[in-house]
Each structure stands twice: as structure tokens, then as C-alpha cells.
Amino acid sequence: MNVEHEINLLVEEIRRLGTKNADGQVSVKFGVLFADEKCANLFEALVGTLKAAKRRKIVTYQGELLLQGVHDNVDIMLLQD
């Protein structure tokens, strides 16, 4: 699959599942994104797509690698709207 296409889908899903903070930025918990059925069907490698989006400065989150369970409460922040 095309990486750009996957990142665009990721941005849509973050907007769908996330909430806006006081600064107007949208964020979602990794656990919410990972557990969502639609995301599970859309993304073969959610963590890889997140890493690619982070490298392109489209999203940000703490740490390098996110793992289910361990990092469920990590916020993924959308940097571009």
C-alpha cells in the first residue's frame, strides 16, 4: 500500500476518534486507535504508519515505538489539520 495514502487514512481516523484540546489540536490515545475495529481493518501495520507519520511531522507522540497494552495511554497528537 501507498504510505501517503495510509497516512491520510490515519489522519482521518485520528480526527474521527480524537478530541480537540484547548489549543485546538486533535489527539487520541494509542489504545483507542489500536482497539478500534475500523482501524484494525484499515491498517495492516498501524505502528509502522504512525512512525512514518511522525517522521513526516504529521503526528507526534512520546517515545519511538508504541506497543499495545504498555502504551495504551500515550497521546497521539495531530500536528497538521
C-alpha atoms as a PDB file:
ATOM      1  CA  MET A   1       0.000   0.000   0.000  1.00  0.00           C
ATOM      2  CA  ASN A   2       0.998   3.581  -0.624  1.00  0.00           C
ATOM      3  CA  VAL A   3       2.485   5.198   2.505  1.00  0.00           C
ATOM      4  CA  GLU A   4       0.956   8.604   1.722  1.00  0.00           C
ATOM      5  CA  HIS A   5      -2.470   7.011   1.362  1.00  0.00           C
ATOM      6  CA  GLU A   6      -2.065   5.154   4.674  1.00  0.00           C
ATOM      7  CA  ILE A   7      -1.034   8.379   6.439  1.00  0.00           C
ATOM      8  CA  ASN A   8      -4.077  10.185   5.013  1.00  0.00           C
ATOM      9  CA  LEU A   9      -6.315   7.385   6.313  1.00  0.00           C
ATOM     10  CA  LEU A  10      -4.591   7.637   9.704  1.00  0.00           C
ATOM     11  CA  VAL A  11      -5.264  11.383   9.871  1.00  0.00           C
ATOM     12  CA  GLU A  12      -8.958  10.738   9.110  1.00  0.00           C
ATOM     13  CA  GLU A  13      -9.170   8.112  11.860  1.00  0.00           C
ATOM     14  CA  ILE A  14      -7.442  10.351  14.419  1.00  0.00           C
ATOM     15  CA  ARG A  15      -9.975  13.073  13.622  1.00  0.00           C
ATOM     16  CA  ARG A  16     -12.852  10.580  13.933  1.00  0.00           C
ATOM     17  CA  LEU A  17     -11.727   9.078  17.246  1.00  0.00           C
ATOM     18  CA  GLY A  18      -9.864  12.000  18.816  1.00  0.00           C
ATOM     19  CA  THR A  19     -10.857  15.064  20.773  1.00  0.00           C
ATOM     20  CA  LYS A  20      -9.707  18.673  20.463  1.00  0.00           C
ATOM     21  CA  ASN A  21      -7.662  20.150  23.290  1.00  0.00           C
ATOM     22  CA  ALA A  22      -7.630  23.796  24.421  1.00  0.00           C
ATOM     23  CA  ASP A  23      -5.174  24.675  21.636  1.00  0.00           C
ATOM     24  CA  GLY A  24      -7.485  23.201  19.007  1.00  0.00           C
ATOM     25  CA  GLN A  25      -5.204  20.245  18.310  1.00  0.00           C
ATOM     26  CA  VAL A  26      -6.777  16.826  17.906  1.00  0.00           C
ATOM     27  CA  SER A  27      -5.368  13.944  19.934  1.00  0.00           C
ATOM     28  CA  VAL A  28      -6.289  10.330  20.561  1.00  0.00           C
ATOM     29  CA  LYS A  29      -4.930   7.674  22.915  1.00  0.00           C
ATOM     30  CA  PHE A  30      -2.943   4.902  21.223  1.00  0.00           C
ATOM     31  CA  GLY A  31      -5.117   2.282  22.920  1.00  0.00           C
ATOM     32  CA  VAL A  32      -8.288   3.800  21.457  1.00  0.00           C
ATOM     33  CA  LEU A  33      -6.775   3.844  17.973  1.00  0.00           C
ATOM     34  CA  PHE A  34      -5.383   0.319  18.301  1.00  0.00           C
ATOM     35  CA  ALA A  35      -8.614  -1.186  19.675  1.00  0.00           C
ATOM     36  CA  ASP A  36     -10.907   0.438  17.100  1.00  0.00           C
ATOM     37  CA  GLU A  37     -12.359  -2.182  14.759  1.00  0.00           C
ATOM     38  CA  LYS A  38     -12.291   0.071  11.689  1.00  0.00           C
ATOM     39  CA  CYS A  39      -8.616   0.893  12.282  1.00  0.00           C
ATOM     40  CA  ALA A  40      -7.802  -2.771  12.759  1.00  0.00           C
ATOM     41  CA  ASN A  41      -9.303  -3.491   9.333  1.00  0.00           C
ATOM     42  CA  LEU A  42      -7.729  -0.447   7.634  1.00  0.00           C
ATOM     43  CA  PHE A  43      -4.145  -0.701   8.837  1.00  0.00           C
ATOM     44  CA  GLU A  44      -2.037  -3.786   8.406  1.00  0.00           C
ATOM     45  CA  ALA A  45       0.762  -2.141  10.379  1.00  0.00           C
ATOM     46  CA  LEU A  46      -0.659   0.695  12.495  1.00  0.00           C
ATOM     47  CA  VAL A  47       2.605   1.223  14.396  1.00  0.00           C
ATOM     48  CA  GLY A  48       4.556   1.489  11.124  1.00  0.00           C
ATOM     49  CA  THR A  49       2.075   4.014   9.736  1.00  0.00           C
ATOM     50  CA  LEU A  50       2.347   6.046  12.959  1.00  0.00           C
ATOM     51  CA  LYS A  51       6.150   6.044  12.708  1.00  0.00           C
ATOM     52  CA  ALA A  52       6.008   7.199   9.075  1.00  0.00           C
ATOM     53  CA  ALA A  53       3.559   9.984  10.007  1.00  0.00           C
ATOM     54  CA  LYS A  54       5.791  11.039  12.901  1.00  0.00           C
ATOM     55  CA  ARG A  55       8.847  11.201  10.606  1.00  0.00           C
ATOM     56  CA  ARG A  56       6.851  13.476   8.277  1.00  0.00           C
ATOM     57  CA  LYS A  57       5.825  15.626  11.285  1.00  0.00           C
ATOM     58  CA  ILE A  58       2.116  14.971  10.745  1.00  0.00           C
ATOM     59  CA  VAL A  59       1.657  13.468  14.207  1.00  0.00           C
ATOM     60  CA  THR A  60       3.682  13.438  17.393  1.00  0.00           C
ATOM     61  CA  TYR A  61       3.801  11.160  20.423  1.00  0.00           C
ATOM     62  CA  GLN A  62       6.252  10.301  23.161  1.00  0.00           C
ATOM     63  CA  GLY A  63       8.692   7.505  22.512  1.00  0.00           C
ATOM     64  CA  GLU A  64       9.851   5.698  19.398  1.00  0.00           C
ATOM     65  CA  LEU A  65       7.781   2.526  19.347  1.00  0.00           C
ATOM     66  CA  LEU A  66       4.241   2.113  20.667  1.00  0.00           C
ATOM     67  CA  LEU A  67       3.140  -1.274  21.972  1.00  0.00           C
ATOM     68  CA  GLN A  68      -0.390  -2.412  22.753  1.00  0.00           C
ATOM     69  CA  GLY A  69      -1.071  -2.539  26.482  1.00  0.00           C
ATOM     70  CA  VAL A  70       2.136  -0.820  27.555  1.00  0.00           C
ATOM     71  CA  HIS A  71       1.468   2.423  25.672  1.00  0.00           C
ATOM     72  CA  ASP A  72      -2.352   2.494  25.579  1.00  0.00           C
ATOM     73  CA  ASN A  73      -2.452   5.866  27.398  1.00  0.00           C
ATOM     74  CA  VAL A  74       0.065   7.624  25.136  1.00  0.00           C
ATOM     75  CA  ASP A  75      -1.471  10.618  23.335  1.00  0.00           C
ATOM     76  CA  ILE A  76      -1.053  10.807  19.584  1.00  0.00           C
ATOM     77  CA  MET A  77      -1.338  14.467  18.602  1.00  0.00           C
ATOM     78  CA  LEU A  78      -2.247  15.596  15.092  1.00  0.00           C
ATOM     79  CA  LEU A  79       0.127  18.425  14.101  1.00  0.00           C
ATOM     80  CA  GLN A  80      -1.377  19.286  10.715  1.00  0.00           C
ATOM     81  CA  ASP A  81      -5.047  19.983  10.157  1.00  0.00           C
END
